Structures are given as C-alpha cells and as structure tokens.
Protein backbone atom coordinates (compact mmCIF):
# COMPACT_ATOMS: atom_id res chain seq x y z
CA MET A 1 -24.41 -12.21 17.92
CA THR A 2 -23.52 -15.80 18.76
CA ASN A 3 -20.18 -17.40 19.46
CA GLU A 4 -21.03 -20.51 17.48
CA PRO A 5 -18.26 -21.61 15.11
CA LYS A 6 -18.93 -21.01 11.45
CA THR A 7 -18.82 -23.77 8.88
CA ILE A 8 -16.03 -23.89 6.33
CA SER A 9 -18.42 -22.80 3.57
CA GLU A 10 -19.55 -19.80 5.65
CA LEU A 11 -15.95 -18.80 6.33
CA THR A 12 -15.03 -19.23 2.67
CA ALA A 13 -17.97 -17.10 1.54
CA SER A 14 -17.01 -14.44 4.08
CA TRP A 15 -13.36 -14.34 2.94
CA GLN A 16 -14.36 -14.32 -0.73
CA SER A 17 -16.68 -11.39 -0.09
CA LEU A 18 -14.00 -9.44 1.79
CA LEU A 19 -11.36 -10.08 -0.87
CA THR A 20 -13.74 -9.10 -3.66
CA GLN A 21 -14.59 -5.86 -1.85
CA ALA A 22 -10.90 -5.08 -1.31
CA ALA A 23 -10.15 -5.73 -4.99
CA ARG A 24 -12.96 -3.39 -6.04
CA ARG A 25 -11.73 -0.65 -3.72
CA SER A 26 -8.22 -1.06 -5.12
CA ASP A 27 -9.59 -0.94 -8.67
CA VAL A 28 -7.91 -4.27 -9.46
CA ASP A 29 -9.23 -7.49 -10.97
CA ALA A 30 -10.31 -9.81 -8.13
CA ASP A 31 -8.22 -12.78 -9.34
CA THR A 32 -5.11 -10.63 -9.63
CA PHE A 33 -5.73 -9.17 -6.18
CA ILE A 34 -6.21 -12.60 -4.60
CA ARG A 35 -3.07 -14.00 -6.26
CA GLY A 36 -1.10 -11.02 -4.99
CA ALA A 37 -2.51 -11.36 -1.48
CA TYR A 38 -1.68 -15.08 -1.43
CA ALA A 39 1.87 -14.43 -2.65
CA ALA A 40 2.33 -11.74 0.01
CA TYR A 41 1.02 -14.10 2.70
CA LEU A 42 3.42 -16.84 1.68
CA GLU A 43 6.30 -14.37 1.62
CA ALA A 44 5.41 -13.16 5.12
CA HIS A 45 5.21 -16.73 6.48
CA PRO A 46 8.41 -18.63 5.61
CA GLY A 47 7.81 -22.36 5.37
CA MET A 48 4.06 -22.02 4.78
CA LYS A 49 4.27 -23.02 1.11
CA GLU A 50 6.12 -26.22 2.01
CA HIS A 51 3.65 -26.92 4.81
CA LEU A 52 0.70 -26.53 2.43
CA GLU A 53 2.41 -28.74 -0.15
CA ASP A 54 2.96 -31.41 2.54
CA LEU A 55 -0.71 -31.26 3.50
CA GLN A 56 -1.74 -31.60 -0.13
CA LEU A 57 0.57 -34.60 -0.61
CA LYS A 58 -0.82 -36.29 2.51
CA GLN A 59 -4.36 -35.72 1.26
CA GLN A 60 -3.48 -37.22 -2.14
CA LEU A 61 -1.90 -40.27 -0.46
CA GLU A 62 -4.97 -40.75 1.74
CA GLU A 63 -7.17 -40.55 -1.37
CA LEU A 64 -5.09 -43.23 -3.09
CA ARG A 65 -5.19 -45.43 0.02
CA SER A 66 -8.93 -45.06 0.40
CA ARG A 67 -9.38 -46.14 -3.23
CA GLY A 68 -7.10 -49.15 -2.65
CA LEU A 69 -4.46 -47.89 -5.07
CA MET A 70 -1.70 -47.59 -2.47
CA GLY A 71 -0.81 -49.65 0.56
CA GLU A 72 -0.06 -48.39 4.04
CA ALA A 73 3.39 -48.80 5.53
C-alpha cells in the first residue's frame, strides 16, 4: 500500500462506492440515502452550508471574470 495522494476522481469513485454499499445494506434508494447523509452532515456542521454556498459563489464569479463578463475590483 502506498501513501500517494489519490486524485479527486479516485476519491469520488471511492465515496460513491461506499455510499452505494451503505444504501444497499440499509435497503434504501441510493439517492435518498445520499441526500439524507448530506443533510445530516450539514446539520452536524453548523455554518458548512453557508461556507459551501460562498465557495460556489466565488467559483461562479471567477468563471464570469475568466470569460470577461465581469470586472475585478
């Protein structure tokens, strides 16, 4: 086993696999299980939803700037 960092796609595939397995074991639809897990995570981490929304807004602004549709202040 190596200590090399995994790529984002490898980590995503790993998490998707684990969540799908957990949903199957719980006898629940995978999408419903994942939505519930996400909601529980956000509830357990106050401020995380706002933080994620801020990151998304910053990404959207960067996208607009890179396309020349918004100036930089």
